[in-house]
């Protein structure tokens, strides 16, 4: 039988989904704390909502690495590919359905988030077997650059549809 989700990823998928849902409200509940704004959505733009996948996925990946101790560079390279695959699937599916219908619906958006999380773990598992990263510094810089992008575009969002509410 073909599996979309590896059994060992299931607890981390749940952690990512639950943490992502809780993160949706973190900025408001923190009293609009500027530090919280860096890792939680501050508005209803698609870009800001990608934080709901990115940071919980990174956190759960760090926890998984601590518990399992896989090969550092290979693990985080696969997870990096996975998180970007998940975020891209959210963007394409969101603009696809909302472009066709002409508006978006919150229940569908939540479903797209869950699909994005599953896509991230699927891609990570699929490419993890093929991806071999020889240089840990390279993958660390990829993750650091992605975090920096979220921080910069939170503070200075461009005038593009992805970043507008």
C-alpha atoms as a PDB file:
ATOM      1  CA  UNK A   1       0.000   0.000   0.000  1.00  0.00           C
ATOM      2  CA  UNK A   2       1.284   3.442  -0.936  1.00  0.00           C
ATOM      3  CA  UNK A   3       1.674   5.860   1.969  1.00  0.00           C
ATOM      4  CA  UNK A   4       1.549   9.608   1.615  1.00  0.00           C
ATOM      5  CA  UNK A   5       2.656  10.158   5.191  1.00  0.00           C
ATOM      6  CA  UNK A   6       5.407   8.168   6.830  1.00  0.00           C
ATOM      7  CA  UNK A   7       4.238   6.750  10.135  1.00  0.00           C
ATOM      8  CA  UNK A   8       7.172   8.280  12.005  1.00  0.00           C
ATOM      9  CA  UNK A   9       6.166  11.763  10.737  1.00  0.00           C
ATOM     10  CA  UNK A  10       2.590  11.601  12.020  1.00  0.00           C
ATOM     11  CA  UNK A  11       3.258  12.967  15.550  1.00  0.00           C
ATOM     12  CA  UNK A  12       5.309  15.815  14.091  1.00  0.00           C
ATOM     13  CA  UNK A  13       2.557  16.604  11.598  1.00  0.00           C
ATOM     14  CA  UNK A  14       0.091  16.900  14.475  1.00  0.00           C
ATOM     15  CA  UNK A  15       2.492  19.083  16.448  1.00  0.00           C
ATOM     16  CA  UNK A  16       2.982  21.328  13.418  1.00  0.00           C
ATOM     17  CA  UNK A  17      -0.761  21.651  12.794  1.00  0.00           C
ATOM     18  CA  UNK A  18      -1.615  22.372  16.443  1.00  0.00           C
ATOM     19  CA  UNK A  19       1.272  24.812  16.884  1.00  0.00           C
ATOM     20  CA  UNK A  20       0.367  26.532  13.611  1.00  0.00           C
ATOM     21  CA  UNK A  21      -3.259  26.959  14.651  1.00  0.00           C
ATOM     22  CA  UNK A  22      -2.206  28.379  18.031  1.00  0.00           C
ATOM     23  CA  UNK A  23       0.314  30.680  16.345  1.00  0.00           C
ATOM     24  CA  UNK A  24      -2.522  32.229  14.346  1.00  0.00           C
ATOM     25  CA  UNK A  25      -3.675  33.988  17.508  1.00  0.00           C
ATOM     26  CA  UNK A  26      -0.281  34.566  19.161  1.00  0.00           C
ATOM     27  CA  UNK A  27       0.241  38.129  17.942  1.00  0.00           C
ATOM     28  CA  UNK A  28      -3.142  39.345  19.191  1.00  0.00           C
ATOM     29  CA  UNK A  29      -2.864  37.475  22.502  1.00  0.00           C
ATOM     30  CA  UNK A  30       0.650  38.816  23.089  1.00  0.00           C
ATOM     31  CA  UNK A  31      -0.702  42.364  23.053  1.00  0.00           C
ATOM     32  CA  UNK A  32       0.841  42.916  19.607  1.00  0.00           C
ATOM     33  CA  UNK A  33       4.341  42.236  20.888  1.00  0.00           C
ATOM     34  CA  UNK A  34       6.903  43.128  18.181  1.00  0.00           C
ATOM     35  CA  UNK A  35       8.976  39.996  18.846  1.00  0.00           C
ATOM     36  CA  UNK A  36       5.885  37.796  18.440  1.00  0.00           C
ATOM     37  CA  UNK A  37       5.161  39.665  15.192  1.00  0.00           C
ATOM     38  CA  UNK A  38       8.299  38.180  13.687  1.00  0.00           C
ATOM     39  CA  UNK A  39       7.058  34.587  13.993  1.00  0.00           C
ATOM     40  CA  UNK A  40       3.249  34.904  14.029  1.00  0.00           C
ATOM     41  CA  UNK A  41       0.909  36.504  11.468  1.00  0.00           C
ATOM     42  CA  UNK A  42       0.270  40.201  12.025  1.00  0.00           C
ATOM     43  CA  UNK A  43      -2.344  40.561   9.284  1.00  0.00           C
ATOM     44  CA  UNK A  44      -4.419  38.460   6.903  1.00  0.00           C
ATOM     45  CA  UNK A  45      -1.947  38.400   4.007  1.00  0.00           C
ATOM     46  CA  UNK A  46      -0.980  35.070   2.502  1.00  0.00           C
ATOM     47  CA  UNK A  47       2.699  35.736   3.259  1.00  0.00           C
ATOM     48  CA  UNK A  48       2.024  36.289   6.947  1.00  0.00           C
ATOM     49  CA  UNK A  49      -0.012  33.079   7.091  1.00  0.00           C
ATOM     50  CA  UNK A  50       2.922  31.103   5.694  1.00  0.00           C
ATOM     51  CA  UNK A  51       4.494  31.677   9.107  1.00  0.00           C
ATOM     52  CA  UNK A  52       1.878  29.235  10.436  1.00  0.00           C
ATOM     53  CA  UNK A  53       3.657  26.483   8.533  1.00  0.00           C
ATOM     54  CA  UNK A  54       7.258  27.666   8.517  1.00  0.00           C
ATOM     55  CA  UNK A  55       7.986  28.296  12.194  1.00  0.00           C
ATOM     56  CA  UNK A  56       6.023  25.354  13.662  1.00  0.00           C
ATOM     57  CA  UNK A  57       7.628  23.081  11.029  1.00  0.00           C
ATOM     58  CA  UNK A  58      11.081  24.367  11.988  1.00  0.00           C
ATOM     59  CA  UNK A  59      10.320  23.911  15.688  1.00  0.00           C
ATOM     60  CA  UNK A  60       9.033  20.365  15.207  1.00  0.00           C
ATOM     61  CA  UNK A  61      12.046  19.550  13.009  1.00  0.00           C
ATOM     62  CA  UNK A  62      14.390  20.749  15.745  1.00  0.00           C
ATOM     63  CA  UNK A  63      12.520  18.572  18.256  1.00  0.00           C
ATOM     64  CA  UNK A  64      12.666  15.579  15.925  1.00  0.00           C
ATOM     65  CA  UNK A  65      16.379  16.072  15.348  1.00  0.00           C
ATOM     66  CA  UNK A  66      16.965  16.237  19.098  1.00  0.00           C
ATOM     67  CA  UNK A  67      14.985  13.031  19.684  1.00  0.00           C
ATOM     68  CA  UNK A  68      16.182  10.980  16.694  1.00  0.00           C
ATOM     69  CA  UNK A  69      19.623  12.367  15.854  1.00  0.00           C
ATOM     70  CA  UNK A  70      19.536  11.733  12.092  1.00  0.00           C
ATOM     71  CA  UNK A  71      22.384  12.959   9.878  1.00  0.00           C
ATOM     72  CA  UNK A  72      22.311  16.704  10.490  1.00  0.00           C
ATOM     73  CA  UNK A  73      22.794  18.155   6.999  1.00  0.00           C
ATOM     74  CA  UNK A  74      20.698  15.532   5.187  1.00  0.00           C
ATOM     75  CA  UNK A  75      17.817  15.859   7.648  1.00  0.00           C
ATOM     76  CA  UNK A  76      17.645  19.653   7.593  1.00  0.00           C
ATOM     77  CA  UNK A  77      18.189  19.788   3.810  1.00  0.00           C
ATOM     78  CA  UNK A  78      15.191  17.480   3.322  1.00  0.00           C
ATOM     79  CA  UNK A  79      13.153  19.494   5.807  1.00  0.00           C
ATOM     80  CA  UNK A  80      14.110  22.729   4.029  1.00  0.00           C
ATOM     81  CA  UNK A  81      12.893  21.386   0.689  1.00  0.00           C
ATOM     82  CA  UNK A  82       9.773  20.124   2.461  1.00  0.00           C
ATOM     83  CA  UNK A  83       8.838  23.378   4.147  1.00  0.00           C
ATOM     84  CA  UNK A  84       9.184  25.330   0.908  1.00  0.00           C
ATOM     85  CA  UNK A  85       7.159  22.709  -0.965  1.00  0.00           C
ATOM     86  CA  UNK A  86       4.440  23.011   1.670  1.00  0.00           C
ATOM     87  CA  UNK A  87       4.417  26.796   1.548  1.00  0.00           C
ATOM     88  CA  UNK A  88       4.336  26.832  -2.263  1.00  0.00           C
ATOM     89  CA  UNK A  89       1.437  24.370  -2.254  1.00  0.00           C
ATOM     90  CA  UNK A  90      -0.494  26.691   0.068  1.00  0.00           C
ATOM     91  CA  UNK A  91       0.174  29.700  -2.160  1.00  0.00           C
ATOM     92  CA  UNK A  92      -0.777  27.937  -5.408  1.00  0.00           C
ATOM     93  CA  UNK A  93      -3.861  26.252  -3.970  1.00  0.00           C
ATOM     94  CA  UNK A  94      -5.051  29.452  -2.264  1.00  0.00           C
ATOM     95  CA  UNK A  95      -4.692  31.637  -5.335  1.00  0.00           C
ATOM     96  CA  UNK A  96      -6.058  28.848  -7.528  1.00  0.00           C
ATOM     97  CA  UNK A  97      -9.315  28.332  -5.662  1.00  0.00           C
ATOM     98  CA  UNK A  98      -9.842  31.962  -4.633  1.00  0.00           C
ATOM     99  CA  UNK A  99      -9.079  33.120  -8.168  1.00  0.00           C
ATOM    100  CA  UNK A 100     -11.649  30.731  -9.625  1.00  0.00           C
ATOM    101  CA  UNK A 101     -14.348  31.440  -7.035  1.00  0.00           C
ATOM    102  CA  UNK A 102     -13.540  35.112  -6.600  1.00  0.00           C
ATOM    103  CA  UNK A 103     -13.178  35.014  -2.799  1.00  0.00           C
ATOM    104  CA  UNK A 104     -11.816  32.846  -0.050  1.00  0.00           C
ATOM    105  CA  UNK A 105     -13.483  30.855   2.727  1.00  0.00           C
ATOM    106  CA  UNK A 106     -11.946  30.347   6.161  1.00  0.00           C
ATOM    107  CA  UNK A 107     -12.743  26.598   6.395  1.00  0.00           C
ATOM    108  CA  UNK A 108     -11.081  26.040   3.007  1.00  0.00           C
ATOM    109  CA  UNK A 109      -8.088  28.138   4.093  1.00  0.00           C
ATOM    110  CA  UNK A 110      -7.685  25.965   7.195  1.00  0.00           C
ATOM    111  CA  UNK A 111      -7.868  22.861   5.016  1.00  0.00           C
ATOM    112  CA  UNK A 112      -5.190  24.337   2.734  1.00  0.00           C
ATOM    113  CA  UNK A 113      -2.964  24.862   5.772  1.00  0.00           C
ATOM    114  CA  UNK A 114      -3.365  21.198   6.731  1.00  0.00           C
ATOM    115  CA  UNK A 115      -2.684  20.150   3.126  1.00  0.00           C
ATOM    116  CA  UNK A 116       0.421  22.373   3.170  1.00  0.00           C
ATOM    117  CA  UNK A 117       1.697  20.688   6.347  1.00  0.00           C
ATOM    118  CA  UNK A 118       1.131  17.238   4.838  1.00  0.00           C
ATOM    119  CA  UNK A 119       2.792  18.342   1.580  1.00  0.00           C
ATOM    120  CA  UNK A 120       5.790  19.608   3.550  1.00  0.00           C
ATOM    121  CA  UNK A 121       6.291  16.295   5.331  1.00  0.00           C
ATOM    122  CA  UNK A 122       5.591  14.321   2.161  1.00  0.00           C
ATOM    123  CA  UNK A 123       8.172  16.277   0.148  1.00  0.00           C
ATOM    124  CA  UNK A 124      10.650  16.076   2.984  1.00  0.00           C
ATOM    125  CA  UNK A 125      10.273  12.299   3.162  1.00  0.00           C
ATOM    126  CA  UNK A 126      10.346  11.893  -0.604  1.00  0.00           C
ATOM    127  CA  UNK A 127      13.427  14.023  -1.154  1.00  0.00           C
ATOM    128  CA  UNK A 128      15.128  12.990   2.072  1.00  0.00           C
ATOM    129  CA  UNK A 129      16.076   9.687   0.511  1.00  0.00           C
ATOM    130  CA  UNK A 130      17.561  11.343  -2.571  1.00  0.00           C
ATOM    131  CA  UNK A 131      18.982  14.539  -1.124  1.00  0.00           C
ATOM    132  CA  UNK A 132      22.475  14.370   0.278  1.00  0.00           C
ATOM    133  CA  UNK A 133      23.916  17.600   1.583  1.00  0.00           C
ATOM    134  CA  UNK A 134      27.655  17.517   2.142  1.00  0.00           C
ATOM    135  CA  UNK A 135      27.950  20.951   3.690  1.00  0.00           C
ATOM    136  CA  UNK A 136      25.962  21.677   6.892  1.00  0.00           C
ATOM    137  CA  UNK A 137      26.812  25.379   6.665  1.00  0.00           C
ATOM    138  CA  UNK A 138      25.004  25.652   3.325  1.00  0.00           C
ATOM    139  CA  UNK A 139      21.757  24.258   4.675  1.00  0.00           C
ATOM    140  CA  UNK A 140      22.051  26.362   7.842  1.00  0.00           C
ATOM    141  CA  UNK A 141      22.419  29.469   5.667  1.00  0.00           C
ATOM    142  CA  UNK A 142      19.344  28.457   3.630  1.00  0.00           C
ATOM    143  CA  UNK A 143      17.267  28.188   6.810  1.00  0.00           C
ATOM    144  CA  UNK A 144      18.728  31.421   8.219  1.00  0.00           C
ATOM    145  CA  UNK A 145      18.007  33.283   4.967  1.00  0.00           C
ATOM    146  CA  UNK A 146      14.405  32.032   5.013  1.00  0.00           C
ATOM    147  CA  UNK A 147      13.945  33.211   8.601  1.00  0.00           C
ATOM    148  CA  UNK A 148      15.466  36.550   7.624  1.00  0.00           C
ATOM    149  CA  UNK A 149      13.013  36.848   4.712  1.00  0.00           C
ATOM    150  CA  UNK A 150      10.095  36.409   7.097  1.00  0.00           C
ATOM    151  CA  UNK A 151      11.523  39.024   9.452  1.00  0.00           C
ATOM    152  CA  UNK A 152      12.250  41.558   6.688  1.00  0.00           C
ATOM    153  CA  UNK A 153       8.919  41.137   4.884  1.00  0.00           C
ATOM    154  CA  UNK A 154       7.047  41.399   8.180  1.00  0.00           C
ATOM    155  CA  UNK A 155       8.642  44.766   8.849  1.00  0.00           C
ATOM    156  CA  UNK A 156       8.799  45.959   5.222  1.00  0.00           C
ATOM    157  CA  UNK A 157       6.197  44.144   3.096  1.00  0.00           C
ATOM    158  CA  UNK A 158       6.447  44.826  -0.638  1.00  0.00           C
ATOM    159  CA  UNK A 159       3.420  46.135  -2.532  1.00  0.00           C
ATOM    160  CA  UNK A 160       2.648  42.729  -4.068  1.00  0.00           C
ATOM    161  CA  UNK A 161      -0.577  40.696  -3.731  1.00  0.00           C
ATOM    162  CA  UNK A 162       1.156  37.982  -1.659  1.00  0.00           C
ATOM    163  CA  UNK A 163       1.963  40.542   1.030  1.00  0.00           C
ATOM    164  CA  UNK A 164      -1.294  42.527   1.021  1.00  0.00           C
ATOM    165  CA  UNK A 165      -4.293  41.805   3.239  1.00  0.00           C
END
